[in-house]
C-alpha cells in the first residue's frame, strides 16, 4: 500500500525519536556522572540540555548533553585548565571510556548507543536575566562565554507551540540530513536556524519547509546567526573553514534533491518524490510502499 508524502514524514519521525533502550541507558549513566562531579567539585545544578533536553534528538545519532553548574571556587580564570581538571576526575571514575575534552564540554563516550555518549558542559552560574538562568562556559579559547540553555529551550518551545507542534519535528528532519549524510555542521546552529525560520511562518508542511530550510542555509552560505534569544552572541555553523567547504558541497546536493522531491510531489508523481527523499536521507526515509 502506497504512502502519501505526509505519511512518509510521519513514519520517518517515529524512526527519528529516541528508543526506550537509549533513554534507559542514558538515565543509568547520568546518576554515576552526577555523583562523581558532586563528590569532587560540588554541584549547584545538573540538568540535561541540548537536543535530548529539547525534544529534537535523532535516534542512534544524538548524544546526551548535561550542564553541570559548578561552584566558582572550583573553577579557574582559564577555562582550558578548568576543563582539564574536570576531565581528570571523570577519567579516574570512568577509566575505560576514553574521557576527553571537547570544548566547551567533557566527552564521556559510554556504551553501544550514541545516546550513551555523554557530554558534560561545566558552567559557572552568574545570575538571571528575564527569568532565565545565565551561565558562563568555556569559549574554546581559554576564556568564558555566556549562555542560557533555558532561554533557548523556551524559544524553540514557544515557536513549536505557535505552529501546532510541527517545528521540533522539522528540526529533527533537518538534523537527520546532517547525521545520515555525515555533514559537519553544528546541531545547535541548525536548531536555531530552523526555529528562527519557523518563527516567520504561519504553518509548516514538512516537504515544503525542509526544502526551504535547506535552501535558506545555502542562500545565506552558512553565515553566522545572531542568537535569537540574545544570550550567546553569534552562532557559527562550523568550527573550521574546511568543514564549511564540506558542508556547502553536501548542502548543494541536498537542495537539488529536495527540489526534485518537491517538484515530483507537485506533479503528483509521489513515487518519484519518495525516491528523491530517500536519496537525500541515504535510504533512511520510508519507502513509497509500506
C-alpha atoms as a PDB file:
ATOM      1  CA  UNK A   1       0.000   0.000   0.000  1.00  0.00           C
ATOM      2  CA  UNK A   2       1.495   3.353  -1.011  1.00  0.00           C
ATOM      3  CA  UNK A   3       2.160   6.179   1.445  1.00  0.00           C
ATOM      4  CA  UNK A   4       1.334   9.838   0.980  1.00  0.00           C
ATOM      5  CA  UNK A   5       4.191  12.342   1.437  1.00  0.00           C
ATOM      6  CA  UNK A   6       2.754  13.408   4.799  1.00  0.00           C
ATOM      7  CA  UNK A   7       2.560   9.771   5.912  1.00  0.00           C
ATOM      8  CA  UNK A   8       6.158   9.297   4.807  1.00  0.00           C
ATOM      9  CA  UNK A   9       7.333  12.143   7.036  1.00  0.00           C
ATOM     10  CA  UNK A  10       5.131  10.987   9.921  1.00  0.00           C
ATOM     11  CA  UNK A  11       6.620   7.478   9.745  1.00  0.00           C
ATOM     12  CA  UNK A  12      10.101   8.956   9.415  1.00  0.00           C
ATOM     13  CA  UNK A  13       9.512  10.971  12.596  1.00  0.00           C
ATOM     14  CA  UNK A  14       8.725   7.780  14.530  1.00  0.00           C
ATOM     15  CA  UNK A  15      12.086   6.384  13.406  1.00  0.00           C
ATOM     16  CA  UNK A  16      13.941   9.527  14.493  1.00  0.00           C
ATOM     17  CA  UNK A  17      12.620   9.594  18.063  1.00  0.00           C
ATOM     18  CA  UNK A  18      14.772   8.032  20.803  1.00  0.00           C
ATOM     19  CA  UNK A  19      14.006   4.421  21.632  1.00  0.00           C
ATOM     20  CA  UNK A  20      13.300   3.228  25.171  1.00  0.00           C
ATOM     21  CA  UNK A  21      16.616   1.345  25.368  1.00  0.00           C
ATOM     22  CA  UNK A  22      18.524   4.539  24.510  1.00  0.00           C
ATOM     23  CA  UNK A  23      16.670   6.573  27.122  1.00  0.00           C
ATOM     24  CA  UNK A  24      17.133   3.940  29.838  1.00  0.00           C
ATOM     25  CA  UNK A  25      20.875   3.688  29.149  1.00  0.00           C
ATOM     26  CA  UNK A  26      21.255   7.453  29.341  1.00  0.00           C
ATOM     27  CA  UNK A  27      19.489   7.552  32.715  1.00  0.00           C
ATOM     28  CA  UNK A  28      21.860   4.960  34.168  1.00  0.00           C
ATOM     29  CA  UNK A  29      24.943   6.934  33.205  1.00  0.00           C
ATOM     30  CA  UNK A  30      23.538  10.237  34.422  1.00  0.00           C
ATOM     31  CA  UNK A  31      23.469   9.132  38.064  1.00  0.00           C
ATOM     32  CA  UNK A  32      27.092   7.977  38.084  1.00  0.00           C
ATOM     33  CA  UNK A  33      28.403  11.133  36.381  1.00  0.00           C
ATOM     34  CA  UNK A  34      26.413  13.375  38.690  1.00  0.00           C
ATOM     35  CA  UNK A  35      27.743  11.546  41.767  1.00  0.00           C
ATOM     36  CA  UNK A  36      31.340  11.884  40.546  1.00  0.00           C
ATOM     37  CA  UNK A  37      31.042  15.618  39.940  1.00  0.00           C
ATOM     38  CA  UNK A  38      29.225  16.205  43.222  1.00  0.00           C
ATOM     39  CA  UNK A  39      31.913  14.441  45.269  1.00  0.00           C
ATOM     40  CA  UNK A  40      34.820  16.153  43.516  1.00  0.00           C
ATOM     41  CA  UNK A  41      33.523  19.642  42.845  1.00  0.00           C
ATOM     42  CA  UNK A  42      30.082  20.107  44.334  1.00  0.00           C
ATOM     43  CA  UNK A  43      27.081  20.817  42.109  1.00  0.00           C
ATOM     44  CA  UNK A  44      24.567  23.612  42.106  1.00  0.00           C
ATOM     45  CA  UNK A  45      22.630  22.104  39.212  1.00  0.00           C
ATOM     46  CA  UNK A  46      22.955  19.143  36.869  1.00  0.00           C
ATOM     47  CA  UNK A  47      20.443  19.313  34.036  1.00  0.00           C
ATOM     48  CA  UNK A  48      20.003  17.814  30.606  1.00  0.00           C
ATOM     49  CA  UNK A  49      20.365  20.326  27.782  1.00  0.00           C
ATOM     50  CA  UNK A  50      20.757  20.124  24.007  1.00  0.00           C
ATOM     51  CA  UNK A  51      18.608  18.062  21.667  1.00  0.00           C
ATOM     52  CA  UNK A  52      17.557  15.385  24.167  1.00  0.00           C
ATOM     53  CA  UNK A  53      16.587  18.069  26.644  1.00  0.00           C
ATOM     54  CA  UNK A  54      14.646  19.919  23.960  1.00  0.00           C
ATOM     55  CA  UNK A  55      12.927  17.032  22.152  1.00  0.00           C
ATOM     56  CA  UNK A  56      14.860  17.431  18.884  1.00  0.00           C
ATOM     57  CA  UNK A  57      17.273  14.483  19.066  1.00  0.00           C
ATOM     58  CA  UNK A  58      17.811  11.872  16.354  1.00  0.00           C
ATOM     59  CA  UNK A  59      17.771   8.241  17.449  1.00  0.00           C
ATOM     60  CA  UNK A  60      21.159   6.468  17.303  1.00  0.00           C
ATOM     61  CA  UNK A  61      22.987   9.707  16.457  1.00  0.00           C
ATOM     62  CA  UNK A  62      22.393  12.424  19.069  1.00  0.00           C
ATOM     63  CA  UNK A  63      24.443  12.268  22.222  1.00  0.00           C
ATOM     64  CA  UNK A  64      23.320  13.423  25.681  1.00  0.00           C
ATOM     65  CA  UNK A  65      24.380  16.843  26.931  1.00  0.00           C
ATOM     66  CA  UNK A  66      24.312  17.966  30.549  1.00  0.00           C
ATOM     67  CA  UNK A  67      25.049  21.345  32.032  1.00  0.00           C
ATOM     68  CA  UNK A  68      26.975  20.988  35.300  1.00  0.00           C
ATOM     69  CA  UNK A  69      26.782  24.157  37.358  1.00  0.00           C
ATOM     70  CA  UNK A  70      29.928  24.038  39.494  1.00  0.00           C
ATOM     71  CA  UNK A  71      30.782  26.467  42.323  1.00  0.00           C
ATOM     72  CA  UNK A  72      33.154  29.204  41.155  1.00  0.00           C
ATOM     73  CA  UNK A  73      35.664  28.165  43.832  1.00  0.00           C
ATOM     74  CA  UNK A  74      36.352  25.004  41.803  1.00  0.00           C
ATOM     75  CA  UNK A  75      36.815  26.870  38.518  1.00  0.00           C
ATOM     76  CA  UNK A  76      39.743  28.988  37.328  1.00  0.00           C
ATOM     77  CA  UNK A  77      40.187  32.000  35.092  1.00  0.00           C
ATOM     78  CA  UNK A  78      41.486  29.626  32.417  1.00  0.00           C
ATOM     79  CA  UNK A  79      38.615  27.542  31.089  1.00  0.00           C
ATOM     80  CA  UNK A  80      41.176  25.197  29.499  1.00  0.00           C
ATOM     81  CA  UNK A  81      42.592  24.368  32.911  1.00  0.00           C
ATOM     82  CA  UNK A  82      39.125  24.004  34.425  1.00  0.00           C
ATOM     83  CA  UNK A  83      38.069  21.557  31.719  1.00  0.00           C
ATOM     84  CA  UNK A  84      41.298  19.620  32.231  1.00  0.00           C
ATOM     85  CA  UNK A  85      40.696  19.261  35.976  1.00  0.00           C
ATOM     86  CA  UNK A  86      37.149  18.037  35.470  1.00  0.00           C
ATOM     87  CA  UNK A  87      38.249  15.671  32.709  1.00  0.00           C
ATOM     88  CA  UNK A  88      40.843  14.142  35.029  1.00  0.00           C
ATOM     89  CA  UNK A  89      38.250  13.498  37.746  1.00  0.00           C
ATOM     90  CA  UNK A  90      35.838  11.852  35.301  1.00  0.00           C
ATOM     91  CA  UNK A  91      38.666   9.804  33.771  1.00  0.00           C
ATOM     92  CA  UNK A  92      39.562   8.389  37.194  1.00  0.00           C
ATOM     93  CA  UNK A  93      35.925   7.419  37.734  1.00  0.00           C
ATOM     94  CA  UNK A  94      35.422   6.014  34.197  1.00  0.00           C
ATOM     95  CA  UNK A  95      38.902   4.840  33.114  1.00  0.00           C
ATOM     96  CA  UNK A  96      37.754   2.590  30.272  1.00  0.00           C
ATOM     97  CA  UNK A  97      35.577   5.075  28.390  1.00  0.00           C
ATOM     98  CA  UNK A  98      38.197   7.391  26.857  1.00  0.00           C
ATOM     99  CA  UNK A  99      37.142  10.600  28.597  1.00  0.00           C
ATOM    100  CA  UNK A 100      38.376  13.648  26.673  1.00  0.00           C
ATOM    101  CA  UNK A 101      37.951  17.409  26.420  1.00  0.00           C
ATOM    102  CA  UNK A 102      35.650  18.513  23.606  1.00  0.00           C
ATOM    103  CA  UNK A 103      35.358  22.212  24.423  1.00  0.00           C
ATOM    104  CA  UNK A 104      33.111  23.519  25.866  1.00  0.00           C
ATOM    105  CA  UNK A 105      32.357  20.027  27.161  1.00  0.00           C
ATOM    106  CA  UNK A 106      33.926  16.906  28.581  1.00  0.00           C
ATOM    107  CA  UNK A 107      33.039  13.885  26.452  1.00  0.00           C
ATOM    108  CA  UNK A 108      32.373  10.580  28.237  1.00  0.00           C
ATOM    109  CA  UNK A 109      31.736   8.062  25.436  1.00  0.00           C
ATOM    110  CA  UNK A 110      29.870   5.230  27.145  1.00  0.00           C
ATOM    111  CA  UNK A 111      28.395   2.098  25.657  1.00  0.00           C
ATOM    112  CA  UNK A 112      26.749   0.970  22.475  1.00  0.00           C
ATOM    113  CA  UNK A 113      24.225   3.680  21.668  1.00  0.00           C
ATOM    114  CA  UNK A 114      25.258   7.154  20.566  1.00  0.00           C
ATOM    115  CA  UNK A 115      22.817   8.401  23.214  1.00  0.00           C
ATOM    116  CA  UNK A 116      25.068   6.807  25.830  1.00  0.00           C
ATOM    117  CA  UNK A 117      27.870   9.092  24.723  1.00  0.00           C
ATOM    118  CA  UNK A 118      27.567  11.865  27.281  1.00  0.00           C
ATOM    119  CA  UNK A 119      28.917  15.395  27.106  1.00  0.00           C
ATOM    120  CA  UNK A 120      29.174  17.407  30.317  1.00  0.00           C
ATOM    121  CA  UNK A 121      29.372  21.186  29.984  1.00  0.00           C
ATOM    122  CA  UNK A 122      30.925  22.713  33.122  1.00  0.00           C
ATOM    123  CA  UNK A 123      29.347  26.072  33.886  1.00  0.00           C
ATOM    124  CA  UNK A 124      29.538  28.945  36.320  1.00  0.00           C
ATOM    125  CA  UNK A 125      26.162  30.372  37.319  1.00  0.00           C
ATOM    126  CA  UNK A 126      26.209  34.166  37.023  1.00  0.00           C
ATOM    127  CA  UNK A 127      22.568  35.157  37.632  1.00  0.00           C
ATOM    128  CA  UNK A 128      19.184  35.542  35.964  1.00  0.00           C
ATOM    129  CA  UNK A 129      18.043  37.703  33.073  1.00  0.00           C
ATOM    130  CA  UNK A 130      14.331  37.956  32.230  1.00  0.00           C
ATOM    131  CA  UNK A 131      13.693  34.940  34.448  1.00  0.00           C
ATOM    132  CA  UNK A 132      16.269  32.706  32.738  1.00  0.00           C
ATOM    133  CA  UNK A 133      19.395  31.356  34.420  1.00  0.00           C
ATOM    134  CA  UNK A 134      22.613  32.563  32.784  1.00  0.00           C
ATOM    135  CA  UNK A 135      25.921  30.694  32.886  1.00  0.00           C
ATOM    136  CA  UNK A 136      29.468  31.074  31.670  1.00  0.00           C
ATOM    137  CA  UNK A 137      31.006  28.127  29.810  1.00  0.00           C
ATOM    138  CA  UNK A 138      34.327  27.593  28.031  1.00  0.00           C
ATOM    139  CA  UNK A 139      34.621  29.628  24.838  1.00  0.00           C
ATOM    140  CA  UNK A 140      37.211  27.382  23.168  1.00  0.00           C
ATOM    141  CA  UNK A 141      39.975  29.966  23.504  1.00  0.00           C
ATOM    142  CA  UNK A 142      40.737  29.700  27.202  1.00  0.00           C
ATOM    143  CA  UNK A 143      38.122  32.206  28.297  1.00  0.00           C
ATOM    144  CA  UNK A 144      34.444  32.046  29.147  1.00  0.00           C
ATOM    145  CA  UNK A 145      31.241  32.964  27.302  1.00  0.00           C
ATOM    146  CA  UNK A 146      27.673  33.438  28.459  1.00  0.00           C
ATOM    147  CA  UNK A 147      24.798  31.117  27.567  1.00  0.00           C
ATOM    148  CA  UNK A 148      21.274  30.419  28.739  1.00  0.00           C
ATOM    149  CA  UNK A 149      20.072  26.931  27.742  1.00  0.00           C
ATOM    150  CA  UNK A 150      16.732  27.548  29.449  1.00  0.00           C
ATOM    151  CA  UNK A 151      16.109  30.545  27.206  1.00  0.00           C
ATOM    152  CA  UNK A 152      16.952  28.544  24.072  1.00  0.00           C
ATOM    153  CA  UNK A 153      14.608  25.726  25.082  1.00  0.00           C
ATOM    154  CA  UNK A 154      11.870  28.233  25.837  1.00  0.00           C
ATOM    155  CA  UNK A 155      12.351  29.944  22.471  1.00  0.00           C
ATOM    156  CA  UNK A 156      12.091  26.713  20.478  1.00  0.00           C
ATOM    157  CA  UNK A 157       9.127  25.546  22.574  1.00  0.00           C
ATOM    158  CA  UNK A 158       7.254  28.824  22.013  1.00  0.00           C
ATOM    159  CA  UNK A 159       7.720  28.684  18.243  1.00  0.00           C
ATOM    160  CA  UNK A 160       6.771  24.992  18.275  1.00  0.00           C
ATOM    161  CA  UNK A 161       3.538  25.673  20.187  1.00  0.00           C
ATOM    162  CA  UNK A 162       2.635  28.530  17.854  1.00  0.00           C
ATOM    163  CA  UNK A 163       2.809  26.138  14.890  1.00  0.00           C
ATOM    164  CA  UNK A 164       0.971  23.198  16.409  1.00  0.00           C
ATOM    165  CA  UNK A 165       3.965  21.133  17.493  1.00  0.00           C
ATOM    166  CA  UNK A 166       5.426  20.864  13.983  1.00  0.00           C
ATOM    167  CA  UNK A 167       8.653  22.831  14.487  1.00  0.00           C
ATOM    168  CA  UNK A 168      10.527  20.296  16.633  1.00  0.00           C
ATOM    169  CA  UNK A 169       9.832  17.562  14.049  1.00  0.00           C
ATOM    170  CA  UNK A 170      11.077  19.931  11.336  1.00  0.00           C
ATOM    171  CA  UNK A 171      14.286  20.412  13.328  1.00  0.00           C
ATOM    172  CA  UNK A 172      14.637  16.629  13.587  1.00  0.00           C
ATOM    173  CA  UNK A 173      14.233  16.227   9.827  1.00  0.00           C
ATOM    174  CA  UNK A 174      16.987  18.758   9.131  1.00  0.00           C
ATOM    175  CA  UNK A 175      19.271  17.190  11.743  1.00  0.00           C
ATOM    176  CA  UNK A 176      18.616  13.776  10.187  1.00  0.00           C
ATOM    177  CA  UNK A 177      20.182  15.056   6.963  1.00  0.00           C
ATOM    178  CA  UNK A 178      23.220  16.178   8.999  1.00  0.00           C
ATOM    179  CA  UNK A 179      23.652  12.772  10.645  1.00  0.00           C
ATOM    180  CA  UNK A 180      22.727  10.449   7.796  1.00  0.00           C
ATOM    181  CA  UNK A 181      24.989  12.309   5.359  1.00  0.00           C
ATOM    182  CA  UNK A 182      27.840  12.964   7.850  1.00  0.00           C
ATOM    183  CA  UNK A 183      27.577  16.731   7.481  1.00  0.00           C
ATOM    184  CA  UNK A 184      29.967  18.549   9.891  1.00  0.00           C
ATOM    185  CA  UNK A 185      27.553  21.320  10.862  1.00  0.00           C
ATOM    186  CA  UNK A 186      26.584  22.383  14.382  1.00  0.00           C
ATOM    187  CA  UNK A 187      23.334  20.849  15.636  1.00  0.00           C
ATOM    188  CA  UNK A 188      22.744  23.948  17.758  1.00  0.00           C
ATOM    189  CA  UNK A 189      23.155  26.154  14.695  1.00  0.00           C
ATOM    190  CA  UNK A 190      20.600  24.067  12.800  1.00  0.00           C
ATOM    191  CA  UNK A 191      18.187  24.170  15.726  1.00  0.00           C
ATOM    192  CA  UNK A 192      18.359  27.956  15.982  1.00  0.00           C
ATOM    193  CA  UNK A 193      18.197  28.425  12.190  1.00  0.00           C
ATOM    194  CA  UNK A 194      15.092  26.264  11.855  1.00  0.00           C
ATOM    195  CA  UNK A 195      13.361  27.901  14.829  1.00  0.00           C
ATOM    196  CA  UNK A 196      14.180  31.380  13.505  1.00  0.00           C
ATOM    197  CA  UNK A 197      12.857  30.405  10.066  1.00  0.00           C
ATOM    198  CA  UNK A 198       9.677  28.905  11.520  1.00  0.00           C
ATOM    199  CA  UNK A 199       9.045  31.990  13.664  1.00  0.00           C
ATOM    200  CA  UNK A 200       8.095  33.840  10.496  1.00  0.00           C
ATOM    201  CA  UNK A 201       5.792  31.119   9.114  1.00  0.00           C
ATOM    202  CA  UNK A 202       2.055  30.646   9.595  1.00  0.00           C
ATOM    203  CA  UNK A 203       2.091  26.881   9.015  1.00  0.00           C
ATOM    204  CA  UNK A 204       4.553  24.035   8.493  1.00  0.00           C
ATOM    205  CA  UNK A 205       4.291  21.471   5.684  1.00  0.00           C
ATOM    206  CA  UNK A 206       7.240  19.162   6.051  1.00  0.00           C
ATOM    207  CA  UNK A 207       8.204  18.508   2.439  1.00  0.00           C
ATOM    208  CA  UNK A 208       7.890  22.214   1.614  1.00  0.00           C
ATOM    209  CA  UNK A 209       9.679  23.507   4.681  1.00  0.00           C
ATOM    210  CA  UNK A 210      12.572  21.036   4.726  1.00  0.00           C
ATOM    211  CA  UNK A 211      13.368  22.318   1.236  1.00  0.00           C
ATOM    212  CA  UNK A 212      13.003  25.950   2.299  1.00  0.00           C
ATOM    213  CA  UNK A 213      15.277  25.498   5.295  1.00  0.00           C
ATOM    214  CA  UNK A 214      17.986  23.791   3.230  1.00  0.00           C
ATOM    215  CA  UNK A 215      17.668  26.442   0.509  1.00  0.00           C
ATOM    216  CA  UNK A 216      17.886  29.171   3.144  1.00  0.00           C
ATOM    217  CA  UNK A 217      21.094  27.673   4.529  1.00  0.00           C
ATOM    218  CA  UNK A 218      22.525  27.663   1.015  1.00  0.00           C
ATOM    219  CA  UNK A 219      21.371  31.195   0.201  1.00  0.00           C
ATOM    220  CA  UNK A 220      22.977  32.517   3.402  1.00  0.00           C
ATOM    221  CA  UNK A 221      26.122  30.447   2.721  1.00  0.00           C
ATOM    222  CA  UNK A 222      26.088  29.260   6.347  1.00  0.00           C
ATOM    223  CA  UNK A 223      26.504  32.801   7.656  1.00  0.00           C
ATOM    224  CA  UNK A 224      26.784  33.207  11.413  1.00  0.00           C
ATOM    225  CA  UNK A 225      23.421  33.558  13.108  1.00  0.00           C
ATOM    226  CA  UNK A 226      22.715  36.108  15.786  1.00  0.00           C
ATOM    227  CA  UNK A 227      21.325  34.172  18.759  1.00  0.00           C
ATOM    228  CA  UNK A 228      17.549  34.827  18.625  1.00  0.00           C
ATOM    229  CA  UNK A 229      17.418  34.882  22.431  1.00  0.00           C
ATOM    230  CA  UNK A 230      20.205  37.453  22.688  1.00  0.00           C
ATOM    231  CA  UNK A 231      22.320  35.471  25.159  1.00  0.00           C
ATOM    232  CA  UNK A 232      25.051  33.817  23.106  1.00  0.00           C
ATOM    233  CA  UNK A 233      26.082  36.458  20.581  1.00  0.00           C
ATOM    234  CA  UNK A 234      26.655  34.930  17.151  1.00  0.00           C
ATOM    235  CA  UNK A 235      26.324  31.199  16.459  1.00  0.00           C
ATOM    236  CA  UNK A 236      28.666  29.654  13.890  1.00  0.00           C
ATOM    237  CA  UNK A 237      27.708  26.789  11.598  1.00  0.00           C
ATOM    238  CA  UNK A 238      31.110  25.087  11.634  1.00  0.00           C
ATOM    239  CA  UNK A 239      34.312  25.058  13.665  1.00  0.00           C
ATOM    240  CA  UNK A 240      36.690  25.325  10.696  1.00  0.00           C
ATOM    241  CA  UNK A 241      36.733  26.666   7.149  1.00  0.00           C
ATOM    242  CA  UNK A 242      37.446  23.160   5.843  1.00  0.00           C
ATOM    243  CA  UNK A 243      34.241  21.938   7.482  1.00  0.00           C
ATOM    244  CA  UNK A 244      32.316  24.860   5.996  1.00  0.00           C
ATOM    245  CA  UNK A 245      33.501  23.950   2.484  1.00  0.00           C
ATOM    246  CA  UNK A 246      32.446  20.331   3.053  1.00  0.00           C
ATOM    247  CA  UNK A 247      29.023  21.381   4.371  1.00  0.00           C
ATOM    248  CA  UNK A 248      28.374  23.671   1.404  1.00  0.00           C
ATOM    249  CA  UNK A 249      29.176  20.881  -1.035  1.00  0.00           C
ATOM    250  CA  UNK A 250      26.779  18.483   0.689  1.00  0.00           C
ATOM    251  CA  UNK A 251      24.195  21.219   1.110  1.00  0.00           C
ATOM    252  CA  UNK A 252      24.189  21.950  -2.609  1.00  0.00           C
ATOM    253  CA  UNK A 253      23.452  18.280  -3.306  1.00  0.00           C
ATOM    254  CA  UNK A 254      20.732  18.238  -0.637  1.00  0.00           C
ATOM    255  CA  UNK A 255      18.990  21.292  -2.068  1.00  0.00           C
ATOM    256  CA  UNK A 256      18.917  19.768  -5.549  1.00  0.00           C
ATOM    257  CA  UNK A 257      17.446  16.507  -4.216  1.00  0.00           C
ATOM    258  CA  UNK A 258      14.847  18.268  -2.060  1.00  0.00           C
ATOM    259  CA  UNK A 259      13.834  20.424  -5.041  1.00  0.00           C
ATOM    260  CA  UNK A 260      13.387  17.318  -7.199  1.00  0.00           C
ATOM    261  CA  UNK A 261      11.367  15.649  -4.425  1.00  0.00           C
ATOM    262  CA  UNK A 262       9.104  18.663  -4.065  1.00  0.00           C
ATOM    263  CA  UNK A 263       8.617  19.091  -7.814  1.00  0.00           C
ATOM    264  CA  UNK A 264       7.694  15.417  -8.168  1.00  0.00           C
ATOM    265  CA  UNK A 265       5.049  15.876  -5.473  1.00  0.00           C
ATOM    266  CA  UNK A 266       3.672  18.965  -7.238  1.00  0.00           C
ATOM    267  CA  UNK A 267       3.481  16.885 -10.423  1.00  0.00           C
ATOM    268  CA  UNK A 268       1.603  14.180  -8.460  1.00  0.00           C
ATOM    269  CA  UNK A 269       4.446  11.740  -9.091  1.00  0.00           C
ATOM    270  CA  UNK A 270       4.580  10.565  -5.488  1.00  0.00           C
ATOM    271  CA  UNK A 271       6.777   7.525  -6.055  1.00  0.00           C
ATOM    272  CA  UNK A 272       9.469   9.762  -7.606  1.00  0.00           C
ATOM    273  CA  UNK A 273       9.142  12.162  -4.691  1.00  0.00           C
ATOM    274  CA  UNK A 274       9.844   9.305  -2.271  1.00  0.00           C
ATOM    275  CA  UNK A 275      12.816   8.318  -4.415  1.00  0.00           C
ATOM    276  CA  UNK A 276      14.392  11.762  -4.040  1.00  0.00           C
ATOM    277  CA  UNK A 277      13.685  11.973  -0.306  1.00  0.00           C
ATOM    278  CA  UNK A 278      15.395   8.605   0.088  1.00  0.00           C
ATOM    279  CA  UNK A 279      18.321   9.952  -1.911  1.00  0.00           C
ATOM    280  CA  UNK A 280      18.561  12.936   0.406  1.00  0.00           C
ATOM    281  CA  UNK A 281      18.435  10.808   3.572  1.00  0.00           C
ATOM    282  CA  UNK A 282      20.529   7.898   2.402  1.00  0.00           C
ATOM    283  CA  UNK A 283      17.625   5.439   2.084  1.00  0.00           C
ATOM    284  CA  UNK A 284      16.641   6.017   5.722  1.00  0.00           C
ATOM    285  CA  UNK A 285      13.445   7.764   4.630  1.00  0.00           C
ATOM    286  CA  UNK A 286      10.480   5.363   4.382  1.00  0.00           C
ATOM    287  CA  UNK A 287       9.785   3.630   1.067  1.00  0.00           C
ATOM    288  CA  UNK A 288       6.798   4.618  -1.038  1.00  0.00           C
ATOM    289  CA  UNK A 289       5.152   1.227  -0.441  1.00  0.00           C
ATOM    290  CA  UNK A 290       4.580   0.029   3.104  1.00  0.00           C
END
